[in-house]
Amino acid sequence: MKSNQQVRQGRVKLFAAVMGGSAVVAMGALSVALHEEQASGASDGAATGATFIQAGSMTMGQTATTTTPPAAPETSVAVPPVKAPPYGGGG
């Protein structure tokens, strides 16, 4: 005979499986619905609220600048401003 704990574990596993399965089904349905909405006439952007940029309206400028790194690092050795005693009080 199964104990109460084993019965509860079985119910929890069944509940988790049902919730996981329903989440997968919901994601699939949502994906199909969104795909159909986008394909059903959103050519002017009014159906989805999207804004479109005309081709050629963007300018290509310089996106990165290059600099020469310093010869030596700014700090050779890092020293903390406050030093605490080691854990355990030794040292």
N, C-alpha and C. Protein backbone atom coordinates (compact mmCIF):
# COMPACT_ATOMS: atom_id res chain seq x y z
N MET A 1 0.83 -1.17 0.00
CA MET A 1 0.00 0.00 0.00
C MET A 1 0.88 1.24 0.00
N LYS A 2 0.47 2.27 -0.75
CA LYS A 2 1.23 3.50 -0.85
C LYS A 2 0.98 4.39 0.36
N SER A 3 2.04 5.07 0.77
CA SER A 3 1.88 6.00 1.89
C SER A 3 1.29 7.32 1.36
N ASN A 4 0.87 8.15 2.29
CA ASN A 4 0.31 9.45 1.91
C ASN A 4 1.32 10.31 1.17
N GLN A 5 2.59 10.23 1.55
CA GLN A 5 3.63 11.01 0.90
C GLN A 5 3.80 10.57 -0.56
N GLN A 6 3.76 9.27 -0.82
CA GLN A 6 3.89 8.77 -2.18
C GLN A 6 2.70 9.20 -3.04
N VAL A 7 1.51 9.21 -2.45
CA VAL A 7 0.32 9.64 -3.18
C VAL A 7 0.44 11.12 -3.51
N ARG A 8 0.88 11.94 -2.54
CA ARG A 8 1.05 13.37 -2.78
C ARG A 8 2.10 13.64 -3.85
N GLN A 9 3.21 12.91 -3.82
CA GLN A 9 4.24 13.08 -4.83
C GLN A 9 3.71 12.75 -6.22
N GLY A 10 2.89 11.71 -6.31
CA GLY A 10 2.30 11.35 -7.59
C GLY A 10 1.36 12.43 -8.09
N ARG A 11 0.59 13.02 -7.19
CA ARG A 11 -0.33 14.09 -7.58
C ARG A 11 0.44 15.34 -8.02
N VAL A 12 1.52 15.65 -7.32
CA VAL A 12 2.33 16.81 -7.67
C VAL A 12 2.97 16.61 -9.05
N LYS A 13 3.46 15.41 -9.31
CA LYS A 13 4.06 15.13 -10.61
C LYS A 13 3.02 15.23 -11.72
N LEU A 14 1.82 14.72 -11.47
CA LEU A 14 0.76 14.79 -12.46
C LEU A 14 0.36 16.25 -12.70
N PHE A 15 0.25 17.03 -11.64
CA PHE A 15 -0.09 18.45 -11.76
C PHE A 15 0.97 19.19 -12.56
N ALA A 16 2.25 18.91 -12.26
CA ALA A 16 3.34 19.57 -12.98
C ALA A 16 3.33 19.19 -14.46
N ALA A 17 3.04 17.94 -14.77
CA ALA A 17 2.98 17.50 -16.15
C ALA A 17 1.83 18.18 -16.89
N VAL A 18 0.68 18.29 -16.25
CA VAL A 18 -0.47 18.95 -16.87
C VAL A 18 -0.17 20.42 -17.11
N MET A 19 0.42 21.09 -16.12
CA MET A 19 0.75 22.51 -16.28
C MET A 19 1.79 22.72 -17.38
N GLY A 20 2.80 21.88 -17.45
CA GLY A 20 3.81 21.99 -18.49
C GLY A 20 3.22 21.75 -19.87
N GLY A 21 2.37 20.74 -19.98
CA GLY A 21 1.73 20.46 -21.27
C GLY A 21 0.83 21.59 -21.71
N SER A 22 0.08 22.15 -20.79
CA SER A 22 -0.81 23.25 -21.16
C SER A 22 -0.01 24.49 -21.53
N ALA A 23 1.15 24.70 -20.92
CA ALA A 23 2.00 25.84 -21.29
C ALA A 23 2.53 25.67 -22.71
N VAL A 24 2.92 24.46 -23.07
CA VAL A 24 3.40 24.20 -24.43
C VAL A 24 2.29 24.43 -25.44
N VAL A 25 1.09 23.96 -25.14
CA VAL A 25 -0.04 24.15 -26.04
C VAL A 25 -0.37 25.64 -26.18
N ALA A 26 -0.35 26.37 -25.07
CA ALA A 26 -0.63 27.81 -25.11
C ALA A 26 0.42 28.56 -25.93
N MET A 27 1.69 28.19 -25.78
CA MET A 27 2.74 28.85 -26.57
C MET A 27 2.56 28.57 -28.06
N GLY A 28 2.18 27.34 -28.40
CA GLY A 28 1.95 27.02 -29.79
C GLY A 28 0.78 27.79 -30.37
N ALA A 29 -0.31 27.88 -29.62
CA ALA A 29 -1.48 28.62 -30.10
C ALA A 29 -1.16 30.10 -30.24
N LEU A 30 -0.44 30.66 -29.31
CA LEU A 30 -0.07 32.07 -29.38
C LEU A 30 0.86 32.33 -30.56
N SER A 31 1.76 31.42 -30.79
CA SER A 31 2.69 31.56 -31.93
C SER A 31 1.92 31.55 -33.25
N VAL A 32 0.98 30.63 -33.38
CA VAL A 32 0.18 30.56 -34.61
C VAL A 32 -0.66 31.81 -34.76
N ALA A 33 -1.27 32.28 -33.69
CA ALA A 33 -2.12 33.47 -33.75
C ALA A 33 -1.31 34.70 -34.15
N LEU A 34 -0.14 34.87 -33.58
CA LEU A 34 0.68 36.02 -33.92
C LEU A 34 1.21 35.94 -35.34
N HIS A 35 1.54 34.74 -35.78
CA HIS A 35 2.03 34.57 -37.14
C HIS A 35 0.92 34.89 -38.14
N GLU A 36 -0.30 34.46 -37.87
CA GLU A 36 -1.41 34.74 -38.78
C GLU A 36 -1.73 36.23 -38.78
N GLU A 37 -1.62 36.91 -37.63
CA GLU A 37 -1.89 38.34 -37.57
C GLU A 37 -0.88 39.11 -38.41
N GLN A 38 0.36 38.72 -38.35
CA GLN A 38 1.38 39.41 -39.12
C GLN A 38 1.22 39.15 -40.61
N ALA A 39 0.77 37.97 -40.99
CA ALA A 39 0.65 37.62 -42.40
C ALA A 39 -0.66 38.10 -43.00
N SER A 40 -1.61 38.54 -42.19
CA SER A 40 -2.95 38.83 -42.70
C SER A 40 -3.15 40.27 -43.15
N GLY A 41 -2.11 40.98 -43.50
CA GLY A 41 -2.33 42.32 -44.01
C GLY A 41 -1.69 43.40 -43.20
N ALA A 42 -0.62 43.15 -42.59
CA ALA A 42 0.09 44.17 -41.84
C ALA A 42 1.12 44.84 -42.74
N SER A 43 0.79 45.01 -44.02
CA SER A 43 1.76 45.55 -44.96
C SER A 43 2.01 47.03 -44.74
N ASP A 44 1.02 47.76 -44.22
CA ASP A 44 1.23 49.18 -43.99
C ASP A 44 1.61 49.49 -42.54
N GLY A 45 1.68 48.48 -41.68
CA GLY A 45 2.08 48.68 -40.30
C GLY A 45 0.94 49.08 -39.39
N ALA A 46 -0.27 49.27 -39.91
CA ALA A 46 -1.37 49.72 -39.08
C ALA A 46 -1.89 48.61 -38.17
N ALA A 47 -1.85 47.37 -38.63
CA ALA A 47 -2.40 46.28 -37.84
C ALA A 47 -1.53 45.97 -36.63
N THR A 48 -0.24 46.11 -36.74
CA THR A 48 0.64 45.76 -35.64
C THR A 48 1.18 46.97 -34.91
N GLY A 49 0.93 48.17 -35.42
CA GLY A 49 1.45 49.36 -34.78
C GLY A 49 2.91 49.60 -35.09
N ALA A 50 3.44 48.92 -36.09
CA ALA A 50 4.85 49.05 -36.43
C ALA A 50 5.08 50.29 -37.27
N THR A 51 6.26 50.84 -37.17
CA THR A 51 6.64 51.94 -38.03
C THR A 51 7.75 51.47 -38.94
N PHE A 52 7.71 51.88 -40.19
CA PHE A 52 8.68 51.43 -41.16
C PHE A 52 9.54 52.60 -41.59
N ILE A 53 10.79 52.31 -41.89
CA ILE A 53 11.73 53.32 -42.35
C ILE A 53 11.94 53.11 -43.83
N GLN A 54 11.88 54.18 -44.58
CA GLN A 54 12.09 54.09 -46.02
C GLN A 54 13.54 53.72 -46.30
N ALA A 55 13.75 52.93 -47.34
CA ALA A 55 15.11 52.55 -47.72
C ALA A 55 15.87 53.80 -48.16
N GLY A 56 17.07 53.94 -47.72
CA GLY A 56 17.90 55.07 -48.10
C GLY A 56 17.79 56.25 -47.16
N SER A 57 16.92 56.20 -46.15
CA SER A 57 16.79 57.34 -45.26
C SER A 57 17.84 57.33 -44.15
N MET A 58 18.58 56.26 -44.04
CA MET A 58 19.61 56.18 -43.00
C MET A 58 20.95 56.60 -43.59
N THR A 59 21.75 57.25 -42.79
CA THR A 59 23.08 57.63 -43.25
C THR A 59 24.10 56.74 -42.57
N MET A 60 25.12 56.42 -43.28
CA MET A 60 26.18 55.58 -42.73
C MET A 60 27.35 56.46 -42.34
N GLY A 61 27.51 56.67 -41.06
CA GLY A 61 28.59 57.50 -40.56
C GLY A 61 29.62 56.63 -39.85
N GLN A 62 30.60 57.28 -39.26
CA GLN A 62 31.63 56.56 -38.54
C GLN A 62 31.02 56.03 -37.25
N THR A 63 31.21 54.74 -36.97
CA THR A 63 30.58 54.14 -35.81
C THR A 63 31.56 53.85 -34.68
N ALA A 64 32.87 53.90 -34.94
CA ALA A 64 33.83 53.60 -33.89
C ALA A 64 35.03 54.52 -34.03
N THR A 65 35.61 54.86 -32.91
CA THR A 65 36.83 55.65 -32.94
C THR A 65 37.95 54.80 -32.38
N THR A 66 39.14 55.00 -32.89
CA THR A 66 40.28 54.23 -32.41
C THR A 66 41.24 55.15 -31.69
N THR A 67 41.80 54.66 -30.58
CA THR A 67 42.79 55.41 -29.82
C THR A 67 43.95 54.48 -29.51
N THR A 68 45.10 55.05 -29.28
CA THR A 68 46.27 54.26 -28.91
C THR A 68 46.25 54.03 -27.41
N PRO A 69 46.40 52.78 -26.98
CA PRO A 69 46.40 52.52 -25.53
C PRO A 69 47.66 53.08 -24.88
N PRO A 70 47.60 53.39 -23.58
CA PRO A 70 48.78 53.93 -22.90
C PRO A 70 49.89 52.88 -22.84
N ALA A 71 51.13 53.35 -22.72
CA ALA A 71 52.28 52.44 -22.70
C ALA A 71 52.31 51.60 -21.43
N ALA A 72 51.90 52.17 -20.29
CA ALA A 72 51.91 51.45 -19.02
C ALA A 72 50.54 51.61 -18.37
N PRO A 73 50.15 50.63 -17.56
CA PRO A 73 48.86 50.77 -16.87
C PRO A 73 48.87 51.95 -15.90
N GLU A 74 47.67 52.47 -15.64
CA GLU A 74 47.56 53.63 -14.75
C GLU A 74 48.02 53.30 -13.33
N THR A 75 47.70 52.10 -12.86
CA THR A 75 48.14 51.67 -11.53
C THR A 75 48.93 50.38 -11.70
N SER A 76 50.14 50.35 -11.15
CA SER A 76 50.96 49.14 -11.28
C SER A 76 50.54 48.08 -10.27
N VAL A 77 50.19 48.50 -9.05
CA VAL A 77 49.76 47.58 -8.01
C VAL A 77 48.54 48.18 -7.33
N ALA A 78 47.50 47.40 -7.19
CA ALA A 78 46.29 47.89 -6.51
C ALA A 78 46.45 47.67 -5.01
N VAL A 79 46.24 48.72 -4.24
CA VAL A 79 46.34 48.66 -2.78
C VAL A 79 45.01 49.12 -2.21
N PRO A 80 44.34 48.27 -1.39
CA PRO A 80 43.07 48.68 -0.82
C PRO A 80 43.26 49.80 0.20
N PRO A 81 42.30 50.73 0.31
CA PRO A 81 42.45 51.84 1.26
C PRO A 81 42.33 51.39 2.71
N VAL A 82 41.62 50.29 2.96
CA VAL A 82 41.45 49.77 4.32
C VAL A 82 41.74 48.29 4.29
N LYS A 83 42.51 47.81 5.24
CA LYS A 83 42.83 46.38 5.29
C LYS A 83 42.23 45.80 6.56
N ALA A 84 41.38 44.79 6.40
CA ALA A 84 40.73 44.13 7.54
C ALA A 84 41.59 42.95 7.97
N PRO A 85 41.49 42.55 9.25
CA PRO A 85 42.24 41.38 9.69
C PRO A 85 41.68 40.12 9.02
N PRO A 86 42.48 39.09 8.81
CA PRO A 86 42.00 37.87 8.17
C PRO A 86 40.93 37.18 9.01
N TYR A 87 40.16 36.35 8.37
CA TYR A 87 39.11 35.61 9.06
C TYR A 87 39.73 34.71 10.12
N GLY A 88 39.22 34.71 11.28
CA GLY A 88 39.73 33.89 12.36
C GLY A 88 40.66 34.66 13.29
N GLY A 89 41.02 35.90 12.93
CA GLY A 89 41.82 36.73 13.81
C GLY A 89 43.32 36.52 13.71
N GLY A 90 43.78 35.57 12.95
CA GLY A 90 45.22 35.34 12.85
C GLY A 90 45.86 36.28 11.84
N GLY A 91 47.13 36.45 11.96
CA GLY A 91 47.87 37.15 10.96
C GLY A 91 48.19 38.53 11.29
